[in-house]
Amino acid sequence: METRTRIAGIIIEEGKLLMLRGRGCLELWTPGGKIDENETDEECLKRELKEEINVDLVKAKFFKEYTSPSFYHTENTTVQRIYIAEIKGNPIPAAEIDNFVWFTMEDFKKHAYPMIPVTQNEIIPDLIKQGIWL
């Protein structure tokens, strides 16, 4: 069993949450990815945002950490450190990203898209409870 650390950004614009869909995947997830050795959280998030959707990180504020079984490799554990992020630029899918969605509260309530469970069951409800995503 392996534990991997993932750094993720919550990007909210005009009341919508930016969610990504990877190539060959059905589920939506938050932008971000695995942290490299000797990389800070902010460096990782900056790199991942550039690689995945070709935007620049302007600012990031730590939100919360989550630990859960890895969705795609259930024998592993994923530790996600979530940041509220501000970006510059318009998202353009790149690298392993097939598409993105500006996810609405209505989408969330209707379960309009399949999502990674920790995102649907913990991260988004916490964003709502704390008044970050309304």
Protein backbone atom coordinates (compact mmCIF):
# COMPACT_ATOMS: atom_id res chain seq x y z
CA MET A 1 0.00 0.00 0.00
CA GLU A 2 1.32 3.40 -1.00
CA THR A 3 0.32 6.87 0.18
CA ARG A 4 0.41 9.61 -2.42
CA THR A 5 0.08 13.33 -1.79
CA ARG A 6 -2.01 15.33 -4.21
CA ILE A 7 -2.23 19.12 -4.24
CA ALA A 8 -5.52 20.47 -5.60
CA GLY A 9 -6.96 23.87 -6.39
CA ILE A 10 -10.53 25.01 -5.87
CA ILE A 11 -11.21 27.62 -8.54
CA ILE A 12 -14.51 29.48 -8.30
CA GLU A 13 -15.57 32.10 -10.83
CA GLU A 14 -19.02 33.67 -11.04
CA GLY A 15 -20.36 31.11 -8.57
CA LYS A 16 -19.13 28.16 -10.62
CA LEU A 17 -16.54 25.60 -9.60
CA LEU A 18 -13.94 24.50 -12.17
CA MET A 19 -13.87 20.71 -12.47
CA LEU A 20 -11.79 18.58 -14.82
CA ARG A 21 -12.32 15.27 -16.60
CA GLY A 22 -9.28 13.22 -17.47
CA ARG A 23 -8.80 11.38 -20.74
CA GLY A 24 -10.64 8.09 -20.67
CA CYS A 25 -12.40 8.93 -17.38
CA LEU A 26 -16.04 9.63 -16.60
CA GLU A 27 -15.55 11.28 -13.22
CA LEU A 28 -14.88 14.94 -12.57
CA TRP A 29 -12.11 16.02 -10.21
CA THR A 30 -10.45 19.17 -8.95
CA PRO A 31 -7.45 20.57 -10.83
CA GLY A 32 -4.13 19.45 -9.38
CA GLY A 33 -1.89 16.46 -9.07
CA LYS A 34 0.85 14.53 -7.35
CA ILE A 35 3.51 16.56 -5.61
CA ASP A 36 7.09 15.95 -6.73
CA GLU A 37 10.01 15.44 -4.34
CA ASN A 38 11.39 18.75 -2.99
CA GLU A 39 8.45 20.67 -4.45
CA THR A 40 6.33 23.00 -2.30
CA ASP A 41 2.55 22.75 -2.41
CA GLU A 42 2.34 26.07 -4.26
CA GLU A 43 4.99 25.02 -6.80
CA CYS A 44 3.07 21.80 -7.43
CA LEU A 45 -0.25 23.57 -7.88
CA LYS A 46 1.33 26.15 -10.19
CA ARG A 47 2.91 23.40 -12.32
CA GLU A 48 -0.22 21.25 -12.44
CA LEU A 49 -2.50 24.14 -13.42
CA LYS A 50 -0.13 25.07 -16.25
CA GLU A 51 0.19 21.43 -17.42
CA GLU A 52 -3.50 20.52 -17.16
CA ILE A 53 -5.37 23.64 -18.26
CA ASN A 54 -2.72 26.19 -19.30
CA VAL A 55 -3.51 28.84 -16.68
CA ASP A 56 -1.28 30.70 -14.24
CA LEU A 57 -1.68 30.52 -10.49
CA VAL A 58 -2.09 34.01 -9.02
CA LYS A 59 -2.76 33.13 -5.40
CA ALA A 60 -3.46 30.05 -3.26
CA LYS A 61 -4.78 29.82 0.29
CA PHE A 62 -4.79 26.51 2.20
CA PHE A 63 -8.30 25.17 2.82
CA LYS A 64 -8.17 21.64 4.23
CA GLU A 65 -6.52 18.22 4.00
CA TYR A 66 -8.38 14.99 3.16
CA THR A 67 -7.25 11.38 3.35
CA SER A 68 -9.09 8.68 1.41
CA PRO A 69 -8.56 5.50 -0.57
CA SER A 70 -7.33 6.29 -4.07
CA PHE A 71 -10.29 6.15 -6.44
CA TYR A 72 -8.41 4.60 -9.36
CA HIS A 73 -5.93 2.52 -7.30
CA THR A 74 -7.93 1.37 -4.27
CA GLU A 75 -4.93 -0.39 -2.71
CA ASN A 76 -3.36 3.07 -2.23
CA THR A 77 -4.21 6.04 -0.03
CA THR A 78 -4.41 9.61 -1.27
CA VAL A 79 -3.74 12.62 0.93
CA GLN A 80 -5.14 15.72 -0.74
CA ARG A 81 -4.17 19.19 0.38
CA ILE A 82 -6.80 21.55 -0.99
CA TYR A 83 -6.18 25.22 -1.74
CA ILE A 84 -8.58 27.96 -2.73
CA ALA A 85 -6.89 29.24 -5.87
CA GLU A 86 -7.09 32.31 -8.03
CA ILE A 87 -5.94 31.94 -11.63
CA LYS A 88 -5.09 34.09 -14.61
CA GLY A 89 -6.07 32.95 -18.10
CA ASN A 90 -8.81 30.89 -19.67
CA PRO A 91 -8.67 27.13 -19.14
CA ILE A 92 -7.66 25.09 -22.16
CA PRO A 93 -7.52 21.31 -21.64
CA ALA A 94 -3.99 19.94 -22.06
CA ALA A 95 -1.83 17.01 -20.91
CA GLU A 96 -4.10 14.25 -19.59
CA ILE A 97 -7.22 16.45 -19.40
CA ASP A 98 -10.01 15.75 -21.88
CA ASN A 99 -12.43 18.47 -20.85
CA PHE A 100 -13.51 20.79 -18.08
CA VAL A 101 -16.84 21.93 -16.63
CA TRP A 102 -17.81 25.14 -14.86
CA PHE A 103 -19.83 23.19 -12.29
CA THR A 104 -22.89 24.89 -10.78
CA MET A 105 -24.64 24.35 -7.47
CA GLU A 106 -27.57 23.01 -9.47
CA ASP A 107 -25.24 20.45 -11.09
CA PHE A 108 -24.13 19.38 -7.62
CA LYS A 109 -27.67 19.06 -6.26
CA LYS A 110 -28.82 17.07 -9.29
CA HIS A 111 -25.71 14.83 -9.37
CA ALA A 112 -25.39 15.93 -13.01
CA TYR A 113 -21.89 14.45 -13.39
CA PRO A 114 -20.10 11.47 -11.85
CA MET A 115 -17.40 12.64 -9.43
CA ILE A 116 -14.56 11.28 -7.36
CA PRO A 117 -16.34 10.30 -4.07
CA VAL A 118 -14.14 12.36 -1.70
CA THR A 119 -14.89 15.44 -3.82
CA GLN A 120 -18.64 14.84 -3.86
CA ASN A 121 -19.05 13.60 -0.28
CA GLU A 122 -16.49 15.70 1.62
CA ILE A 123 -14.74 18.51 -0.26
CA ILE A 124 -17.75 20.18 -1.90
CA PRO A 125 -19.98 19.86 1.20
CA ASP A 126 -17.17 21.47 3.26
CA LEU A 127 -16.89 24.34 0.75
CA ILE A 128 -20.64 24.90 1.09
CA LYS A 129 -20.65 24.64 4.91
CA GLN A 130 -17.85 27.18 5.18
CA GLY A 131 -19.56 29.60 2.81
CA ILE A 132 -16.79 29.40 0.21
CA TRP A 133 -19.06 28.05 -2.53
CA LEU A 134 -22.62 29.30 -2.43
